[in-house]
Amino acid sequence: MAAWTWRFEKADGTEVQPAVQPEEFTTQGDAESWVGEYWKELADGGADQVRLFEDASEIYGPMSLHAEAAAEPESEESQA
């Protein structure tokens, strides 16, 4: 069974310890739901971005945890 895990990083890619300790997830959806729930605490705790891994394979990243970066596409759409 695959294990889905997050790597927490500063903006320069340096790994940091997360403010909220994640579990090991059994599905990509569970991992994404968790980061969706805790992104603000993670960002406040010093993580700037995350990368998602399935076992040793990087699935995607880096993905910013900062609200202004995450909200940008939405604000552009609402202005149209």
PDB file of N, CA and C in Angstrom:
ATOM      1  N   MET A   1       0.841  -1.194   0.000  1.00  0.00           N
ATOM      2  CA  MET A   1       0.000   0.000   0.000  1.00  0.00           C
ATOM      3  C   MET A   1       0.882   1.252   0.000  1.00  0.00           C
ATOM      4  N   ALA A   2       0.516   2.211  -0.819  1.00  0.00           N
ATOM      5  CA  ALA A   2       1.289   3.447  -0.925  1.00  0.00           C
ATOM      6  C   ALA A   2       1.077   4.316   0.306  1.00  0.00           C
ATOM      7  N   ALA A   3       2.103   5.061   0.646  1.00  0.00           N
ATOM      8  CA  ALA A   3       2.006   6.049   1.718  1.00  0.00           C
ATOM      9  C   ALA A   3       2.189   7.428   1.095  1.00  0.00           C
ATOM     10  N   TRP A   4       1.264   8.310   1.382  1.00  0.00           N
ATOM     11  CA  TRP A   4       1.306   9.681   0.882  1.00  0.00           C
ATOM     12  C   TRP A   4       1.811  10.569   2.005  1.00  0.00           C
ATOM     13  N   THR A   5       2.833  11.359   1.720  1.00  0.00           N
ATOM     14  CA  THR A   5       3.425  12.216   2.744  1.00  0.00           C
ATOM     15  C   THR A   5       3.704  13.607   2.179  1.00  0.00           C
ATOM     16  N   TRP A   6       3.760  14.574   3.079  1.00  0.00           N
ATOM     17  CA  TRP A   6       4.094  15.951   2.726  1.00  0.00           C
ATOM     18  C   TRP A   6       5.506  16.269   3.170  1.00  0.00           C
ATOM     19  N   ARG A   7       6.211  17.050   2.377  1.00  0.00           N
ATOM     20  CA  ARG A   7       7.488  17.643   2.776  1.00  0.00           C
ATOM     21  C   ARG A   7       7.212  19.133   2.934  1.00  0.00           C
ATOM     22  N   PHE A   8       7.649  19.696   4.046  1.00  0.00           N
ATOM     23  CA  PHE A   8       7.399  21.100   4.369  1.00  0.00           C
ATOM     24  C   PHE A   8       8.691  21.864   4.164  1.00  0.00           C
ATOM     25  N   GLU A   9       8.612  23.002   3.464  1.00  0.00           N
ATOM     26  CA  GLU A   9       9.823  23.729   3.089  1.00  0.00           C
ATOM     27  C   GLU A   9       9.667  25.233   3.282  1.00  0.00           C
ATOM     28  N   LYS A  10      10.838  25.896   3.438  1.00  0.00           N
ATOM     29  CA  LYS A  10      10.912  27.349   3.338  1.00  0.00           C
ATOM     30  C   LYS A  10      10.839  27.684   1.856  1.00  0.00           C
ATOM     31  N   ALA A  11      10.732  28.959   1.522  1.00  0.00           N
ATOM     32  CA  ALA A  11      10.623  29.388   0.128  1.00  0.00           C
ATOM     33  C   ALA A  11      11.836  28.948  -0.706  1.00  0.00           C
ATOM     34  N   ASP A  12      12.996  28.797  -0.052  1.00  0.00           N
ATOM     35  CA  ASP A  12      14.212  28.393  -0.793  1.00  0.00           C
ATOM     36  C   ASP A  12      14.365  26.881  -0.917  1.00  0.00           C
ATOM     37  N   GLY A  13      13.371  26.114  -0.444  1.00  0.00           N
ATOM     38  CA  GLY A  13      13.414  24.662  -0.568  1.00  0.00           C
ATOM     39  C   GLY A  13      14.016  23.932   0.618  1.00  0.00           C
ATOM     40  N   THR A  14      14.467  24.675   1.636  1.00  0.00           N
ATOM     41  CA  THR A  14      15.016  24.051   2.842  1.00  0.00           C
ATOM     42  C   THR A  14      13.896  23.377   3.621  1.00  0.00           C
ATOM     43  N   GLU A  15      14.096  22.119   3.992  1.00  0.00           N
ATOM     44  CA  GLU A  15      13.053  21.404   4.739  1.00  0.00           C
ATOM     45  C   GLU A  15      12.923  21.965   6.151  1.00  0.00           C
ATOM     46  N   VAL A  16      11.679  22.098   6.616  1.00  0.00           N
ATOM     47  CA  VAL A  16      11.396  22.575   7.974  1.00  0.00           C
ATOM     48  C   VAL A  16      10.439  21.604   8.659  1.00  0.00           C
ATOM     49  N   GLN A  17      10.450  21.626   9.987  1.00  0.00           N
ATOM     50  CA  GLN A  17       9.506  20.817  10.750  1.00  0.00           C
ATOM     51  C   GLN A  17       8.147  21.510  10.737  1.00  0.00           C
ATOM     52  N   PRO A  18       7.067  20.770  10.465  1.00  0.00           N
ATOM     53  CA  PRO A  18       5.742  21.398  10.413  1.00  0.00           C
ATOM     54  C   PRO A  18       5.223  21.757  11.799  1.00  0.00           C
ATOM     55  N   ALA A  19       4.431  22.828  11.858  1.00  0.00           N
ATOM     56  CA  ALA A  19       3.804  23.257  13.110  1.00  0.00           C
ATOM     57  C   ALA A  19       2.757  22.239  13.564  1.00  0.00           C
ATOM     58  N   VAL A  20       2.142  21.549  12.615  1.00  0.00           N
ATOM     59  CA  VAL A  20       1.155  20.506  12.899  1.00  0.00           C
ATOM     60  C   VAL A  20       1.721  19.218  12.326  1.00  0.00           C
ATOM     61  N   GLN A  21       1.914  18.207  13.162  1.00  0.00           N
ATOM     62  CA  GLN A  21       2.525  16.958  12.695  1.00  0.00           C
ATOM     63  C   GLN A  21       1.512  16.140  11.901  1.00  0.00           C
ATOM     64  N   PRO A  22       1.798  15.866  10.627  1.00  0.00           N
ATOM     65  CA  PRO A  22       0.839  15.099   9.828  1.00  0.00           C
ATOM     66  C   PRO A  22       0.916  13.611  10.125  1.00  0.00           C
ATOM     67  N   GLU A  23      -0.143  12.935   9.788  1.00  0.00           N
ATOM     68  CA  GLU A  23      -0.138  11.479   9.842  1.00  0.00           C
ATOM     69  C   GLU A  23       0.409  10.967   8.514  1.00  0.00           C
ATOM     70  N   GLU A  24       0.486   9.666   8.376  1.00  0.00           N
ATOM     71  CA  GLU A  24       0.813   9.081   7.084  1.00  0.00           C
ATOM     72  C   GLU A  24      -0.515   8.767   6.417  1.00  0.00           C
ATOM     73  N   PHE A  25      -0.707   9.254   5.199  1.00  0.00           N
ATOM     74  CA  PHE A  25      -2.000   9.132   4.533  1.00  0.00           C
ATOM     75  C   PHE A  25      -2.007   7.947   3.585  1.00  0.00           C
ATOM     76  N   THR A  26      -3.176   7.322   3.436  1.00  0.00           N
ATOM     77  CA  THR A  26      -3.293   6.158   2.555  1.00  0.00           C
ATOM     78  C   THR A  26      -3.819   6.521   1.174  1.00  0.00           C
ATOM     79  N   THR A  27      -4.320   7.763   1.013  1.00  0.00           N
ATOM     80  CA  THR A  27      -4.774   8.213  -0.311  1.00  0.00           C
ATOM     81  C   THR A  27      -4.315   9.639  -0.548  1.00  0.00           C
ATOM     82  N   GLN A  28      -4.201  10.007  -1.813  1.00  0.00           N
ATOM     83  CA  GLN A  28      -3.840  11.379  -2.164  1.00  0.00           C
ATOM     84  C   GLN A  28      -4.914  12.342  -1.666  1.00  0.00           C
ATOM     85  N   GLY A  29      -6.175  11.964  -1.793  1.00  0.00           N
ATOM     86  CA  GLY A  29      -7.273  12.822  -1.347  1.00  0.00           C
ATOM     87  C   GLY A  29      -7.212  13.119   0.144  1.00  0.00           C
ATOM     88  N   ASP A  30      -6.879  12.115   0.954  1.00  0.00           N
ATOM     89  CA  ASP A  30      -6.759  12.334   2.401  1.00  0.00           C
ATOM     90  C   ASP A  30      -5.629  13.312   2.701  1.00  0.00           C
ATOM     91  N   ALA A  31      -4.505  13.152   2.006  1.00  0.00           N
ATOM     92  CA  ALA A  31      -3.358  14.043   2.210  1.00  0.00           C
ATOM     93  C   ALA A  31      -3.726  15.476   1.824  1.00  0.00           C
ATOM     94  N   GLU A  32      -4.404  15.637   0.697  1.00  0.00           N
ATOM     95  CA  GLU A  32      -4.782  16.978   0.239  1.00  0.00           C
ATOM     96  C   GLU A  32      -5.826  17.607   1.150  1.00  0.00           C
ATOM     97  N   SER A  33      -6.759  16.812   1.652  1.00  0.00           N
ATOM     98  CA  SER A  33      -7.753  17.329   2.596  1.00  0.00           C
ATOM     99  C   SER A  33      -7.081  17.826   3.864  1.00  0.00           C
ATOM    100  N   TRP A  34      -6.091  17.071   4.345  1.00  0.00           N
ATOM    101  CA  TRP A  34      -5.381  17.452   5.564  1.00  0.00           C
ATOM    102  C   TRP A  34      -4.654  18.781   5.377  1.00  0.00           C
ATOM    103  N   VAL A  35      -3.923  18.918   4.276  1.00  0.00           N
ATOM    104  CA  VAL A  35      -3.180  20.173   4.066  1.00  0.00           C
ATOM    105  C   VAL A  35      -4.157  21.327   3.842  1.00  0.00           C
ATOM    106  N   GLY A  36      -5.317  21.035   3.244  1.00  0.00           N
ATOM    107  CA  GLY A  36      -6.337  22.059   3.079  1.00  0.00           C
ATOM    108  C   GLY A  36      -6.895  22.542   4.414  1.00  0.00           C
ATOM    109  N   GLU A  37      -6.921  21.655   5.384  1.00  0.00           N
ATOM    110  CA  GLU A  37      -7.436  21.999   6.711  1.00  0.00           C
ATOM    111  C   GLU A  37      -6.398  22.749   7.548  1.00  0.00           C
ATOM    112  N   TYR A  38      -5.113  22.421   7.380  1.00  0.00           N
ATOM    113  CA  TYR A  38      -4.074  22.947   8.276  1.00  0.00           C
ATOM    114  C   TYR A  38      -3.098  23.913   7.629  1.00  0.00           C
ATOM    115  N   TRP A  39      -3.340  24.325   6.347  1.00  0.00           N
ATOM    116  CA  TRP A  39      -2.346  25.151   5.663  1.00  0.00           C
ATOM    117  C   TRP A  39      -2.020  26.425   6.415  1.00  0.00           C
ATOM    118  N   LYS A  40      -3.010  27.061   7.048  1.00  0.00           N
ATOM    119  CA  LYS A  40      -2.751  28.332   7.727  1.00  0.00           C
ATOM    120  C   LYS A  40      -1.837  28.130   8.929  1.00  0.00           C
ATOM    121  N   GLU A  41      -2.096  27.093   9.723  1.00  0.00           N
ATOM    122  CA  GLU A  41      -1.224  26.805  10.867  1.00  0.00           C
ATOM    123  C   GLU A  41       0.182  26.455  10.399  1.00  0.00           C
ATOM    124  N   LEU A  42       0.274  25.708   9.307  1.00  0.00           N
ATOM    125  CA  LEU A  42       1.586  25.335   8.764  1.00  0.00           C
ATOM    126  C   LEU A  42       2.346  26.573   8.311  1.00  0.00           C
ATOM    127  N   ALA A  43       1.669  27.477   7.609  1.00  0.00           N
ATOM    128  CA  ALA A  43       2.312  28.712   7.138  1.00  0.00           C
ATOM    129  C   ALA A  43       2.716  29.586   8.326  1.00  0.00           C
ATOM    130  N   ASP A  44       1.827  29.717   9.313  1.00  0.00           N
ATOM    131  CA  ASP A  44       2.146  30.520  10.501  1.00  0.00           C
ATOM    132  C   ASP A  44       3.318  29.923  11.267  1.00  0.00           C
ATOM    133  N   GLY A  45       3.484  28.602  11.165  1.00  0.00           N
ATOM    134  CA  GLY A  45       4.560  27.917  11.868  1.00  0.00           C
ATOM    135  C   GLY A  45       5.889  27.912  11.130  1.00  0.00           C
ATOM    136  N   GLY A  46       5.952  28.556   9.964  1.00  0.00           N
ATOM    137  CA  GLY A  46       7.233  28.712   9.285  1.00  0.00           C
ATOM    138  C   GLY A  46       7.404  27.960   7.982  1.00  0.00           C
ATOM    139  N   ALA A  47       6.411  27.189   7.556  1.00  0.00           N
ATOM    140  CA  ALA A  47       6.513  26.509   6.256  1.00  0.00           C
ATOM    141  C   ALA A  47       5.956  27.447   5.177  1.00  0.00           C
ATOM    142  N   ASP A  48       6.702  27.608   4.091  1.00  0.00           N
ATOM    143  CA  ASP A  48       6.247  28.458   2.991  1.00  0.00           C
ATOM    144  C   ASP A  48       5.573  27.653   1.888  1.00  0.00           C
ATOM    145  N   GLN A  49       5.992  26.395   1.746  1.00  0.00           N
ATOM    146  CA  GLN A  49       5.480  25.572   0.643  1.00  0.00           C
ATOM    147  C   GLN A  49       5.545  24.104   1.032  1.00  0.00           C
ATOM    148  N   VAL A  50       4.810  23.289   0.271  1.00  0.00           N
ATOM    149  CA  VAL A  50       4.793  21.843   0.513  1.00  0.00           C
ATOM    150  C   VAL A  50       4.987  21.098  -0.799  1.00  0.00           C
ATOM    151  N   ARG A  51       5.465  19.866  -0.670  1.00  0.00           N
ATOM    152  CA  ARG A  51       5.562  18.935  -1.795  1.00  0.00           C
ATOM    153  C   ARG A  51       4.884  17.647  -1.363  1.00  0.00           C
ATOM    154  N   LEU A  52       4.127  17.047  -2.279  1.00  0.00           N
ATOM    155  CA  LEU A  52       3.435  15.793  -1.982  1.00  0.00           C
ATOM    156  C   LEU A  52       4.205  14.623  -2.587  1.00  0.00           C
ATOM    157  N   PHE A  53       4.409  13.600  -1.781  1.00  0.00           N
ATOM    158  CA  PHE A  53       5.098  12.390  -2.216  1.00  0.00           C
ATOM    159  C   PHE A  53       4.199  11.177  -2.072  1.00  0.00           C
ATOM    160  N   GLU A  54       4.322  10.252  -3.011  1.00  0.00           N
ATOM    161  CA  GLU A  54       3.743   8.914  -2.880  1.00  0.00           C
ATOM    162  C   GLU A  54       4.927   7.994  -2.717  1.00  0.00           C
ATOM    163  N   ASP A  55       5.094   7.449  -1.520  1.00  0.00           N
ATOM    164  CA  ASP A  55       6.305   6.725  -1.147  1.00  0.00           C
ATOM    165  C   ASP A  55       7.498   7.641  -1.437  1.00  0.00           C
ATOM    166  N   ALA A  56       8.420   7.272  -2.311  1.00  0.00           N
ATOM    167  CA  ALA A  56       9.595   8.097  -2.570  1.00  0.00           C
ATOM    168  C   ALA A  56       9.440   8.996  -3.795  1.00  0.00           C
ATOM    169  N   SER A  57       8.304   8.904  -4.489  1.00  0.00           N
ATOM    170  CA  SER A  57       8.117   9.663  -5.727  1.00  0.00           C
ATOM    171  C   SER A  57       7.404  10.988  -5.466  1.00  0.00           C
ATOM    172  N   GLU A  58       7.996  12.085  -5.947  1.00  0.00           N
ATOM    173  CA  GLU A  58       7.338  13.379  -5.808  1.00  0.00           C
ATOM    174  C   GLU A  58       6.189  13.461  -6.804  1.00  0.00           C
ATOM    175  N   ILE A  59       4.993  13.773  -6.307  1.00  0.00           N
ATOM    176  CA  ILE A  59       3.806  13.870  -7.151  1.00  0.00           C
ATOM    177  C   ILE A  59       3.668  15.290  -7.682  1.00  0.00           C
ATOM    178  N   TYR A  60       3.775  16.278  -6.800  1.00  0.00           N
ATOM    179  CA  TYR A  60       3.806  17.670  -7.229  1.00  0.00           C
ATOM    180  C   TYR A  60       4.378  18.546  -6.142  1.00  0.00           C
ATOM    181  N   GLY A  61       4.693  19.757  -6.532  1.00  0.00           N
ATOM    182  CA  GLY A  61       5.233  20.745  -5.622  1.00  0.00           C
ATOM    183  C   GLY A  61       6.332  21.508  -6.322  1.00  0.00           C
ATOM    184  N   PRO A  62       6.777  22.579  -5.742  1.00  0.00           N
ATOM    185  CA  PRO A  62       6.252  23.111  -4.479  1.00  0.00           C
ATOM    186  C   PRO A  62       4.923  23.835  -4.665  1.00  0.00           C
ATOM    187  N   MET A  63       4.080  23.726  -3.648  1.00  0.00           N
ATOM    188  CA  MET A  63       2.798  24.415  -3.624  1.00  0.00           C
ATOM    189  C   MET A  63       2.845  25.407  -2.457  1.00  0.00           C
ATOM    190  N   SER A  64       2.605  26.682  -2.755  1.00  0.00           N
ATOM    191  CA  SER A  64       2.684  27.729  -1.739  1.00  0.00           C
ATOM    192  C   SER A  64       1.595  27.561  -0.679  1.00  0.00           C
ATOM    193  N   LEU A  65       1.948  27.897   0.558  1.00  0.00           N
ATOM    194  CA  LEU A  65       0.973  27.901   1.649  1.00  0.00           C
ATOM    195  C   LEU A  65       0.492  29.312   1.978  1.00  0.00           C
ATOM    196  N   HIS A  66       0.943  30.298   1.213  1.00  0.00           N
ATOM    197  CA  HIS A  66       0.585  31.684   1.535  1.00  0.00           C
ATOM    198  C   HIS A  66      -0.736  32.067   0.884  1.00  0.00           C
ATOM    199  N   ALA A  67      -1.603  32.655   1.677  1.00  0.00           N
ATOM    200  CA  ALA A  67      -2.968  32.964   1.239  1.00  0.00           C
ATOM    201  C   ALA A  67      -2.996  33.831  -0.010  1.00  0.00           C
ATOM    202  N   GLU A  68      -2.110  34.835  -0.078  1.00  0.00           N
ATOM    203  CA  GLU A  68      -2.162  35.729  -1.231  1.00  0.00           C
ATOM    204  C   GLU A  68      -1.835  34.971  -2.522  1.00  0.00           C
ATOM    205  N   ALA A  69      -0.940  34.006  -2.465  1.00  0.00           N
ATOM    206  CA  ALA A  69      -0.619  33.211  -3.655  1.00  0.00           C
ATOM    207  C   ALA A  69      -1.775  32.271  -3.991  1.00  0.00           C
ATOM    208  N   ALA A  70      -2.380  31.683  -2.982  1.00  0.00           N
ATOM    209  CA  ALA A  70      -3.481  30.743  -3.209  1.00  0.00           C
ATOM    210  C   ALA A  70      -4.731  31.473  -3.688  1.00  0.00           C
ATOM    211  N   ALA A  71      -4.930  32.708  -3.262  1.00  0.00           N
ATOM    212  CA  ALA A  71      -6.151  33.433  -3.579  1.00  0.00           C
ATOM    213  C   ALA A  71      -6.077  34.173  -4.919  1.00  0.00           C
ATOM    214  N   GLU A  72      -4.887  34.334  -5.468  1.00  0.00           N
ATOM    215  CA  GLU A  72      -4.728  35.123  -6.684  1.00  0.00           C
ATOM    216  C   GLU A  72      -5.665  34.723  -7.828  1.00  0.00           C
ATOM    217  N   PRO A  73      -5.699  33.462  -8.245  1.00  0.00           N
ATOM    218  CA  PRO A  73      -6.565  33.104  -9.378  1.00  0.00           C
ATOM    219  C   PRO A  73      -8.038  33.417  -9.109  1.00  0.00           C
ATOM    220  N   GLU A  74      -8.495  33.227  -7.887  1.00  0.00           N
ATOM    221  CA  GLU A  74      -9.889  33.498  -7.555  1.00  0.00           C
ATOM    222  C   GLU A  74     -10.201  34.980  -7.713  1.00  0.00           C
ATOM    223  N   SER A  75      -9.312  35.859  -7.224  1.00  0.00           N
ATOM    224  CA  SER A  75      -9.583  37.285  -7.304  1.00  0.00           C
ATOM    225  C   SER A  75      -9.593  37.750  -8.763  1.00  0.00           C
ATOM    226  N   GLU A  76      -8.741  37.168  -9.596  1.00  0.00           N
ATOM    227  CA  GLU A  76      -8.733  37.543 -11.005  1.00  0.00           C
ATOM    228  C   GLU A  76     -10.047  37.135 -11.667  1.00  0.00           C
ATOM    229  N   GLU A  77     -10.561  35.949 -11.337  1.00  0.00           N
ATOM    230  CA  GLU A  77     -11.814  35.481 -11.923  1.00  0.00           C
ATOM    231  C   GLU A  77     -12.986  36.364 -11.475  1.00  0.00           C
ATOM    232  N   SER A  78     -12.999  36.793 -10.219  1.00  0.00           N
ATOM    233  CA  SER A  78     -14.122  37.564  -9.727  1.00  0.00           C
ATOM    234  C   SER A  78     -14.155  38.965 -10.332  1.00  0.00           C
ATOM    235  N   GLN A  79     -13.017  39.459 -10.826  1.00  0.00           N
ATOM    236  CA  GLN A  79     -12.971  40.773 -11.456  1.00  0.00           C
ATOM    237  C   GLN A  79     -13.489  40.714 -12.894  1.00  0.00           C
ATOM    238  N   ALA A  80     -13.470  39.551 -13.498  1.00  0.00           N
ATOM    239  CA  ALA A  80     -13.847  39.433 -14.920  1.00  0.00           C
ATOM    240  C   ALA A  80     -15.331  39.666 -15.141  1.00  0.00           C
TER     241      ALA A  80
END
